[in-house]
Amino acid sequence: MRKVVAICQPNFMPWLGYFEMAERADVFVMLDDVQYIDREWVNRNKILSATSQGWQWITVPLKKHKREILIKDAEIYNDESWNEVALKTIHHIYHKAPYYETYMPGIRDVLSKKWDRLAHLNIALIRALYAVLGIKDNLMLSSDIGVPEKKDDKLSGIASRLGATVYLANNGSKTYIDASKFHARNIGFVFQDYVHPEYSVKQYTFKPYLSCIDLVFWHGPDSMAIITKGRKEHWESSIEYPKDAGKIGGIES
């Protein structure tokens, strides 16, 4: 049997492609034991805006931390009412969206709580969106798996530890990931190759690469079907298997 493993950092209210990958994977590993980097997606994401730019940030403020702090150790700065501001901002933009009242209670329930660790907040939000999208809970923490290597050696090590037959890589890793490291561990390799679909946002101008809550509030139960429209058709044919592996998981290489 084929076993697809994907690995991503536990991002804050992620975009559509994150959940396409999550739905495609048998195991989706939250990479929480790597260095936290400022100005990426772990503590912020974009939603719609009525401004000319068309989008705005929602950001989780963090306590001052060491340069090489791990994501799992990043602490939220709770002295500010950041979550109240975030909830008011989301309400201002989306309260007239068709499915806002249906799905906002679950998002509000998570955002309203006082979280100490950023990763815990993010994973709770991801699980809340899993429930909306109908994705089975396939999440694991890399810190629970305990692979010490760095970069793509760590990714291939985690995939091997989990018995993966295929590693599903996001396109953002194309500049540094080496498929041969997975092949050396007898694991097939494929890039996500996701194309962002377009959808109606009523009076607003559509902007791609926003948080998935944008799609959910506008399209509700149709959200997962819209997400998978960006999936490459017959993606399985793009999997690169090790040349000398013969059969992997019952699939010809």
Protein backbone atom coordinates (compact mmCIF):
# COMPACT_ATOMS: atom_id res chain seq x y z
CA MET A 1 0.00 0.00 0.00
CA ARG A 2 1.18 3.49 -0.79
CA LYS A 3 1.84 5.73 2.22
CA VAL A 4 2.19 9.43 1.45
CA VAL A 5 3.96 11.63 3.99
CA ALA A 6 4.09 15.43 3.81
CA ILE A 7 5.91 17.80 6.16
CA CYS A 8 5.25 21.51 6.76
CA GLN A 9 5.80 24.01 9.52
CA PRO A 10 2.70 24.59 11.68
CA ASN A 11 1.67 27.86 10.04
CA PHE A 12 -0.91 30.35 11.28
CA MET A 13 -4.31 29.99 9.54
CA PRO A 14 -2.66 28.56 6.38
CA TRP A 15 -3.53 29.04 2.73
CA LEU A 16 -5.46 26.68 0.44
CA GLY A 17 -2.44 24.73 -0.80
CA TYR A 18 -1.57 23.73 2.75
CA PHE A 19 -4.89 21.92 3.10
CA GLU A 20 -4.68 20.37 -0.36
CA MET A 21 -1.41 18.80 0.78
CA ALA A 22 -2.96 17.80 4.09
CA GLU A 23 -5.86 16.05 2.37
CA ARG A 24 -3.55 14.22 -0.04
CA ALA A 25 -1.18 12.93 2.66
CA ASP A 26 -1.68 9.89 4.85
CA VAL A 27 0.49 11.52 7.51
CA PHE A 28 0.99 15.29 7.72
CA VAL A 29 3.91 16.16 9.96
CA MET A 30 4.06 19.54 11.70
CA LEU A 31 7.73 20.54 11.58
CA ASP A 32 7.93 22.20 14.98
CA ASP A 33 11.53 21.40 16.00
CA VAL A 34 13.26 23.67 13.48
CA GLN A 35 14.34 27.28 13.82
CA TYR A 36 11.64 29.94 13.97
CA ILE A 37 12.22 32.61 11.29
CA ASP A 38 10.67 36.06 11.45
CA ARG A 39 8.50 37.44 8.65
CA GLU A 40 7.36 34.10 7.33
CA TRP A 41 4.03 32.29 7.84
CA VAL A 42 4.29 30.76 11.30
CA ASN A 43 2.91 33.77 13.18
CA ARG A 44 0.99 35.64 10.49
CA ASN A 45 -1.19 35.30 7.41
CA LYS A 46 -3.24 37.38 5.00
CA ILE A 47 -6.98 37.99 4.76
CA LEU A 48 -9.06 40.22 2.49
CA SER A 49 -9.08 43.98 2.87
CA ALA A 50 -11.14 46.83 1.44
CA THR A 51 -7.93 48.79 0.78
CA SER A 52 -6.41 49.26 -2.66
CA GLN A 53 -3.88 46.55 -1.76
CA GLY A 54 -6.75 44.12 -1.33
CA TRP A 55 -5.30 42.22 1.61
CA GLN A 56 -4.02 42.74 5.16
CA TRP A 57 -1.97 40.87 7.72
CA ILE A 58 -3.23 39.20 10.86
CA THR A 59 -0.24 38.70 13.13
CA VAL A 60 0.33 36.89 16.42
CA PRO A 61 2.83 38.91 18.49
CA LEU A 62 5.63 36.92 20.09
CA LYS A 63 7.80 37.44 23.12
CA LYS A 64 11.37 38.45 22.41
CA HIS A 65 13.33 35.32 21.72
CA LYS A 66 16.77 34.05 20.95
CA ARG A 67 17.83 34.08 17.34
CA GLU A 68 17.77 30.31 17.07
CA ILE A 69 14.61 29.52 19.01
CA LEU A 70 12.68 26.49 17.75
CA ILE A 71 9.12 26.92 16.51
CA LYS A 72 7.81 24.72 19.32
CA ASP A 73 9.35 27.08 21.88
CA ALA A 74 8.04 30.37 20.42
CA GLU A 75 5.86 32.07 23.04
CA ILE A 76 2.95 34.41 22.36
CA TYR A 77 3.08 37.93 23.79
CA ASN A 78 -0.26 37.96 25.56
CA ASP A 79 0.10 41.35 27.25
CA GLU A 80 -1.58 42.83 24.19
CA SER A 81 -5.17 41.97 23.23
CA TRP A 82 -3.98 40.76 19.84
CA ASN A 83 -6.66 38.07 19.58
CA GLU A 84 -9.47 40.56 20.24
CA VAL A 85 -8.08 42.78 17.48
CA ALA A 86 -7.80 39.77 15.16
CA LEU A 87 -11.40 38.73 15.83
CA LYS A 88 -12.69 42.26 15.23
CA THR A 89 -10.72 42.50 11.98
CA ILE A 90 -12.06 39.18 10.72
CA HIS A 91 -15.60 40.20 11.68
CA HIS A 92 -15.31 43.57 9.93
CA ILE A 93 -14.31 41.97 6.64
CA TYR A 94 -16.32 38.77 6.61
CA HIS A 95 -19.47 39.25 8.70
CA LYS A 96 -21.62 39.51 5.57
CA ALA A 97 -20.03 36.50 3.88
CA PRO A 98 -22.58 33.67 3.38
CA TYR A 99 -20.93 31.16 5.72
CA TYR A 100 -19.38 33.46 8.31
CA GLU A 101 -21.99 32.71 10.99
CA THR A 102 -21.72 28.99 10.27
CA TYR A 103 -17.97 28.59 10.64
CA MET A 104 -16.74 31.55 12.66
CA PRO A 105 -17.78 30.07 16.05
CA GLY A 106 -15.17 27.32 15.70
CA ILE A 107 -12.47 29.80 14.69
CA ARG A 108 -13.52 32.21 17.45
CA ASP A 109 -13.41 29.45 20.05
CA VAL A 110 -9.74 28.81 19.27
CA LEU A 111 -8.67 32.43 18.86
CA SER A 112 -10.43 33.56 22.03
CA LYS A 113 -8.37 31.29 24.29
CA LYS A 114 -5.13 32.37 25.88
CA TRP A 115 -2.36 30.32 24.30
CA ASP A 116 1.20 30.36 25.58
CA ARG A 117 2.88 28.56 22.68
CA LEU A 118 2.41 29.65 19.09
CA ALA A 119 2.60 26.09 17.73
CA HIS A 120 -0.24 24.98 20.00
CA LEU A 121 -2.46 27.80 18.74
CA ASN A 122 -1.63 27.11 15.10
CA ILE A 123 -2.28 23.38 15.33
CA ALA A 124 -5.61 24.01 17.06
CA LEU A 125 -6.61 26.34 14.21
CA ILE A 126 -5.47 23.81 11.62
CA ARG A 127 -7.58 21.14 13.30
CA ALA A 128 -10.57 23.50 13.39
CA LEU A 129 -10.20 24.01 9.64
CA TYR A 130 -9.75 20.26 9.13
CA ALA A 131 -13.20 19.83 10.70
CA VAL A 132 -14.73 22.39 8.36
CA LEU A 133 -13.09 20.87 5.28
CA GLY A 134 -13.76 17.25 6.22
CA ILE A 135 -10.10 16.21 6.39
CA LYS A 136 -9.22 13.31 8.66
CA ASP A 137 -6.87 14.16 11.53
CA ASN A 138 -3.53 12.91 10.23
CA LEU A 139 -1.29 15.34 12.14
CA MET A 140 1.93 14.44 13.93
CA LEU A 141 4.64 16.60 15.51
CA SER A 142 8.21 16.24 14.28
CA SER A 143 9.37 16.87 17.85
CA ASP A 144 7.60 13.65 18.85
CA ILE A 145 9.40 11.72 16.10
CA GLY A 146 12.86 12.94 17.11
CA VAL A 147 14.94 12.97 13.92
CA PRO A 148 18.05 15.09 14.65
CA GLU A 149 19.31 15.82 11.12
CA LYS A 150 18.98 19.20 9.38
CA LYS A 151 17.18 20.44 6.25
CA ASP A 152 16.24 17.77 3.69
CA ASP A 153 18.16 15.09 5.60
CA LYS A 154 15.71 15.70 8.43
CA LEU A 155 12.72 15.53 6.08
CA SER A 156 13.85 12.29 4.47
CA GLY A 157 14.68 10.87 7.92
CA ILE A 158 11.19 11.64 9.22
CA ALA A 159 9.58 10.15 6.12
CA SER A 160 11.68 7.00 6.50
CA ARG A 161 10.89 6.71 10.22
CA LEU A 162 7.17 6.84 9.36
CA GLY A 163 7.44 4.15 6.70
CA ALA A 164 6.62 6.46 3.79
CA THR A 165 6.56 5.09 0.27
CA VAL A 166 6.07 8.60 -1.18
CA TYR A 167 7.21 12.00 0.04
CA LEU A 168 4.97 14.88 -1.02
CA ALA A 169 7.03 18.11 -1.15
CA ASN A 170 5.65 21.62 -1.35
CA ASN A 171 6.87 23.80 -4.21
CA GLY A 172 8.54 26.23 -1.82
CA SER A 173 11.17 23.59 -1.11
CA LYS A 174 12.32 23.26 -4.74
CA THR A 175 15.38 25.44 -4.15
CA TYR A 176 16.91 23.21 -1.49
CA ILE A 177 15.35 19.76 -1.43
CA ASP A 178 17.18 16.82 -3.03
CA ALA A 179 14.96 13.98 -4.23
CA SER A 180 17.92 11.59 -4.25
CA LYS A 181 18.03 11.70 -0.44
CA PHE A 182 14.53 10.21 -0.39
CA HIS A 183 15.37 7.72 -3.12
CA ALA A 184 18.37 6.60 -1.05
CA ARG A 185 15.90 5.65 1.68
CA ASN A 186 13.69 3.79 -0.82
CA ILE A 187 11.03 6.54 -0.86
CA GLY A 188 9.31 7.92 -3.94
CA PHE A 189 9.24 11.70 -4.40
CA VAL A 190 6.79 14.17 -5.91
CA PHE A 191 6.28 17.93 -5.79
CA GLN A 192 2.84 19.24 -4.92
CA ASP A 193 2.56 21.38 -8.09
CA TYR A 194 -0.53 23.14 -6.79
CA VAL A 195 -2.22 25.88 -8.83
CA HIS A 196 -4.31 28.33 -6.81
CA PRO A 197 -7.98 28.27 -7.95
CA GLU A 198 -10.04 31.43 -8.28
CA TYR A 199 -13.40 31.84 -6.55
CA SER A 200 -16.04 34.51 -5.99
CA VAL A 201 -15.63 36.96 -3.09
CA LYS A 202 -18.74 39.03 -3.87
CA GLN A 203 -18.07 42.77 -3.58
CA TYR A 204 -14.32 42.33 -3.05
CA THR A 205 -11.57 41.78 -5.58
CA PHE A 206 -10.29 38.21 -5.48
CA LYS A 207 -6.77 37.83 -4.09
CA PRO A 208 -4.94 34.48 -4.15
CA TYR A 209 -2.76 33.09 -1.37
CA LEU A 210 -4.90 34.31 1.51
CA SER A 211 -5.71 32.30 4.62
CA CYS A 212 -8.10 29.41 4.01
CA ILE A 213 -10.70 31.16 6.18
CA ASP A 214 -11.32 33.46 3.21
CA LEU A 215 -12.53 30.56 1.08
CA VAL A 216 -14.43 28.95 3.96
CA PHE A 217 -16.47 32.07 4.76
CA TRP A 218 -17.41 32.63 1.13
CA HIS A 219 -18.03 29.04 0.01
CA GLY A 220 -18.60 26.90 3.08
CA PRO A 221 -19.30 23.24 2.25
CA ASP A 222 -17.92 23.63 -1.28
CA SER A 223 -14.52 24.73 0.02
CA MET A 224 -12.70 21.39 -0.21
CA ALA A 225 -13.96 20.81 -3.75
CA ILE A 226 -12.64 24.24 -4.71
CA ILE A 227 -9.30 23.54 -3.04
CA THR A 228 -8.81 20.30 -4.96
CA LYS A 229 -9.45 22.05 -8.28
CA GLY A 230 -5.86 23.25 -8.03
CA ARG A 231 -4.50 19.71 -7.76
CA LYS A 232 -2.62 18.33 -10.72
CA GLU A 233 -4.76 15.73 -12.46
CA HIS A 234 -3.29 12.22 -12.30
CA TRP A 235 -0.55 13.50 -9.98
CA GLU A 236 0.45 9.94 -9.13
CA SER A 237 2.09 9.62 -12.57
CA SER A 238 4.56 12.35 -11.53
CA ILE A 239 5.95 10.37 -8.60
CA GLU A 240 9.64 9.62 -9.07
CA TYR A 241 10.56 6.27 -7.58
CA PRO A 242 14.11 5.04 -6.96
CA LYS A 243 15.37 3.43 -10.15
CA ASP A 244 16.69 0.34 -8.42
CA ALA A 245 13.81 -0.10 -6.01
CA GLY A 246 11.72 -2.48 -8.10
CA LYS A 247 8.43 -2.20 -6.27
CA ILE A 248 7.67 0.20 -3.46
CA GLY A 249 4.55 -0.40 -1.49
CA GLY A 250 3.21 -2.62 -4.24
CA ILE A 251 3.63 0.05 -6.91
CA GLU A 252 5.93 -0.38 -9.88
CA SER A 253 8.76 2.16 -9.93
